[in-house]
Amino acid sequence: MGARVVHQPMRGYGNAYIKGFASAKGKYLIMGDADDTYDFTLIPQFLEYLGDRGYDFVTGSRYLEGGNQKIPLLHRLVGNPALTALLNFLFNTPYTDVYCGFRGFSHSAYDRIQPVSSGMEFNLELAINAGLAGLKIAEIPIVLQPRLGESKLRTFPMAGAVCE
């Protein structure tokens, strides 16, 4: 199908995307987690916004049409909305779901965003820098699906003591 796999020896969510995007050859970049939570049949809708509608940065939103039911309760009602509101206030951005990892943008928009974060903060950096770069931003409604596999993210780190 034309897919090309690139190896990134450095660990981290952001490092993986940075390597993949640097290796990509297409005009548009679409990102999404491979845990089956995003419906990749929506990619043509992202491309329509990027091409025909003239947006620079398109992100999914699990909050626009109730697609957030699979987000853990504390994150759905407090964490994500509070962080989104804070980011919108600080950076004058229009997001309803700043942490959605299903996004699309052109190569030229990505070059203007210039993300450098190696970990999960990469996703926030994309959203913030898209706003700071003055990119034309759109959100499209998505419905989060049940994930496959275990999440590595922890709201509260597990307590543990080390005795020597």
Protein backbone atom coordinates (compact mmCIF):
# COMPACT_ATOMS: atom_id res chain seq x y z
CA MET A 1 0.00 0.00 0.00
CA GLY A 2 3.04 2.27 -0.12
CA ALA A 3 3.62 2.58 3.62
CA ARG A 4 7.19 3.07 4.73
CA VAL A 5 8.38 2.24 8.25
CA VAL A 6 11.12 4.37 9.77
CA HIS A 7 13.08 3.50 12.90
CA GLN A 8 13.43 5.98 15.75
CA PRO A 9 16.01 4.75 18.27
CA MET A 10 15.08 7.44 20.82
CA ARG A 11 12.08 6.67 23.05
CA GLY A 12 9.16 9.06 23.45
CA TYR A 13 5.86 10.03 21.86
CA GLY A 14 7.23 13.29 20.47
CA ASN A 15 10.44 11.71 19.25
CA ALA A 16 8.43 9.14 17.29
CA TYR A 17 6.37 11.84 15.55
CA ILE A 18 9.37 14.09 14.91
CA LYS A 19 11.17 11.22 13.15
CA GLY A 20 8.06 10.18 11.23
CA PHE A 21 7.23 13.69 10.08
CA ALA A 22 10.85 14.34 9.05
CA SER A 23 10.68 11.18 6.91
CA ALA A 24 7.24 11.85 5.40
CA LYS A 25 7.10 12.87 1.75
CA GLY A 26 3.48 13.97 1.30
CA LYS A 27 2.00 17.47 1.31
CA TYR A 28 -0.12 16.75 4.40
CA LEU A 29 0.69 15.08 7.70
CA ILE A 30 -2.01 13.20 9.61
CA MET A 31 -1.29 11.94 13.11
CA GLY A 32 -3.22 9.56 15.30
CA ASP A 33 -2.47 7.02 17.99
CA ALA A 34 -2.30 3.38 16.91
CA ASP A 35 -4.43 2.12 19.81
CA ASP A 36 -7.65 1.94 17.76
CA THR A 37 -9.25 4.95 19.53
CA TYR A 38 -9.44 7.09 16.38
CA ASP A 39 -11.51 6.39 13.29
CA PHE A 40 -9.04 6.76 10.44
CA THR A 41 -11.87 6.68 7.89
CA LEU A 42 -12.23 10.39 8.86
CA ILE A 43 -8.89 11.24 7.21
CA PRO A 44 -10.65 12.45 4.01
CA GLN A 45 -12.56 14.97 6.18
CA PHE A 46 -9.26 16.25 7.61
CA LEU A 47 -7.88 16.55 4.07
CA GLU A 48 -11.00 18.43 2.92
CA TYR A 49 -10.45 21.03 5.66
CA LEU A 50 -6.75 21.30 4.83
CA GLY A 51 -7.23 21.48 1.07
CA ASP A 52 -10.64 22.74 -0.05
CA ARG A 53 -11.50 24.78 3.06
CA GLY A 54 -8.06 26.34 3.46
CA TYR A 55 -7.26 25.47 7.08
CA ASP A 56 -3.63 25.06 8.17
CA PHE A 57 -4.15 22.97 11.32
CA VAL A 58 -7.07 20.59 11.82
CA THR A 59 -7.63 18.70 15.03
CA GLY A 60 -10.28 16.29 16.16
CA SER A 61 -12.49 17.17 19.10
CA ARG A 62 -14.07 14.57 21.31
CA TYR A 63 -16.16 17.33 22.92
CA LEU A 64 -18.05 18.76 19.93
CA GLU A 65 -20.67 16.04 19.53
CA GLY A 66 -20.35 13.92 22.65
CA GLY A 67 -17.52 11.75 21.41
CA ASN A 68 -15.81 11.93 24.79
CA GLN A 69 -17.60 9.11 26.63
CA LYS A 70 -14.56 6.79 26.49
CA ILE A 71 -12.26 9.38 28.11
CA PRO A 72 -11.72 8.49 31.80
CA LEU A 73 -14.24 10.41 33.94
CA LEU A 74 -11.76 12.63 35.79
CA HIS A 75 -10.01 13.59 32.54
CA ARG A 76 -13.33 14.11 30.70
CA LEU A 77 -14.93 16.38 33.31
CA VAL A 78 -11.98 18.17 34.91
CA GLY A 79 -8.50 17.65 33.44
CA ASN A 80 -8.95 18.15 29.71
CA PRO A 81 -11.58 20.94 29.96
CA ALA A 82 -9.53 22.86 32.55
CA LEU A 83 -6.29 22.55 30.59
CA THR A 84 -8.06 23.48 27.35
CA ALA A 85 -9.60 26.57 28.97
CA LEU A 86 -6.23 27.62 30.42
CA LEU A 87 -4.46 27.17 27.09
CA ASN A 88 -7.18 29.10 25.25
CA PHE A 89 -6.90 31.93 27.79
CA LEU A 90 -3.10 32.12 27.71
CA PHE A 91 -2.60 31.70 23.96
CA ASN A 92 -5.89 33.02 22.52
CA THR A 93 -6.65 29.69 20.83
CA PRO A 94 -10.07 28.27 19.87
CA TYR A 95 -9.85 24.64 21.08
CA THR A 96 -12.52 22.53 22.75
CA ASP A 97 -10.19 19.52 23.07
CA VAL A 98 -6.52 20.45 23.25
CA TYR A 99 -5.36 16.91 24.00
CA CYS A 100 -6.92 15.12 21.05
CA GLY A 101 -4.12 13.29 19.26
CA PHE A 102 -5.92 12.99 15.91
CA ARG A 103 -4.63 15.93 13.86
CA GLY A 104 -3.68 17.02 10.39
CA PHE A 105 -1.60 19.83 8.96
CA SER A 106 0.45 20.60 5.90
CA HIS A 107 4.20 20.12 5.83
CA SER A 108 4.59 23.89 5.59
CA ALA A 109 2.39 24.43 8.67
CA TYR A 110 4.45 21.86 10.57
CA ASP A 111 7.61 23.75 9.61
CA ARG A 112 6.07 26.91 11.10
CA ILE A 113 5.05 25.08 14.30
CA GLN A 114 8.59 23.69 14.85
CA PRO A 115 7.89 21.26 17.72
CA VAL A 116 10.83 19.95 19.75
CA SER A 117 9.24 18.11 22.68
CA SER A 118 10.26 14.47 22.99
CA GLY A 119 7.38 13.18 25.13
CA MET A 120 3.61 13.51 25.50
CA GLU A 121 3.91 17.30 25.74
CA PHE A 122 4.53 17.20 21.97
CA ASN A 123 0.77 17.22 21.38
CA LEU A 124 0.26 20.34 23.53
CA GLU A 125 3.22 22.02 21.86
CA LEU A 126 1.61 21.46 18.45
CA ALA A 127 -1.62 23.13 19.59
CA ILE A 128 0.11 26.06 21.29
CA ASN A 129 2.56 26.71 18.47
CA ALA A 130 -0.18 26.48 15.83
CA GLY A 131 -1.92 29.33 17.64
CA LEU A 132 1.29 31.34 18.13
CA ALA A 133 2.14 30.91 14.43
CA GLY A 134 -1.23 32.41 13.46
CA LEU A 135 -2.33 29.27 11.63
CA LYS A 136 -5.95 28.94 10.56
CA ILE A 137 -7.27 26.29 13.00
CA ALA A 138 -10.33 24.06 12.72
CA GLU A 139 -11.76 21.27 14.86
CA ILE A 140 -13.89 18.43 13.58
CA PRO A 141 -16.02 16.19 15.78
CA ILE A 142 -14.73 12.71 16.43
CA VAL A 143 -15.92 9.88 18.66
CA LEU A 144 -13.29 8.22 20.79
CA GLN A 145 -13.43 4.42 20.54
CA PRO A 146 -12.38 1.93 23.22
CA ARG A 147 -8.62 1.58 23.19
CA LEU A 148 -6.74 -1.63 22.47
CA GLY A 149 -4.09 -2.45 25.05
CA GLU A 150 -3.12 -0.75 28.28
CA SER A 151 -2.50 2.98 28.55
CA LYS A 152 0.92 4.08 29.78
CA LEU A 153 -0.47 7.38 31.06
CA ARG A 154 -1.21 7.76 34.76
CA THR A 155 -3.20 10.65 36.25
CA PHE A 156 -1.60 10.02 39.62
CA PRO A 157 1.74 8.20 39.84
CA MET A 158 1.66 4.99 41.80
CA ALA A 159 3.04 5.48 45.30
CA GLY A 160 6.02 3.39 46.17
CA ALA A 161 8.92 3.50 48.54
CA VAL A 162 12.47 2.50 47.93
CA CYS A 163 14.31 1.08 50.91
CA GLU A 164 18.05 0.71 50.94
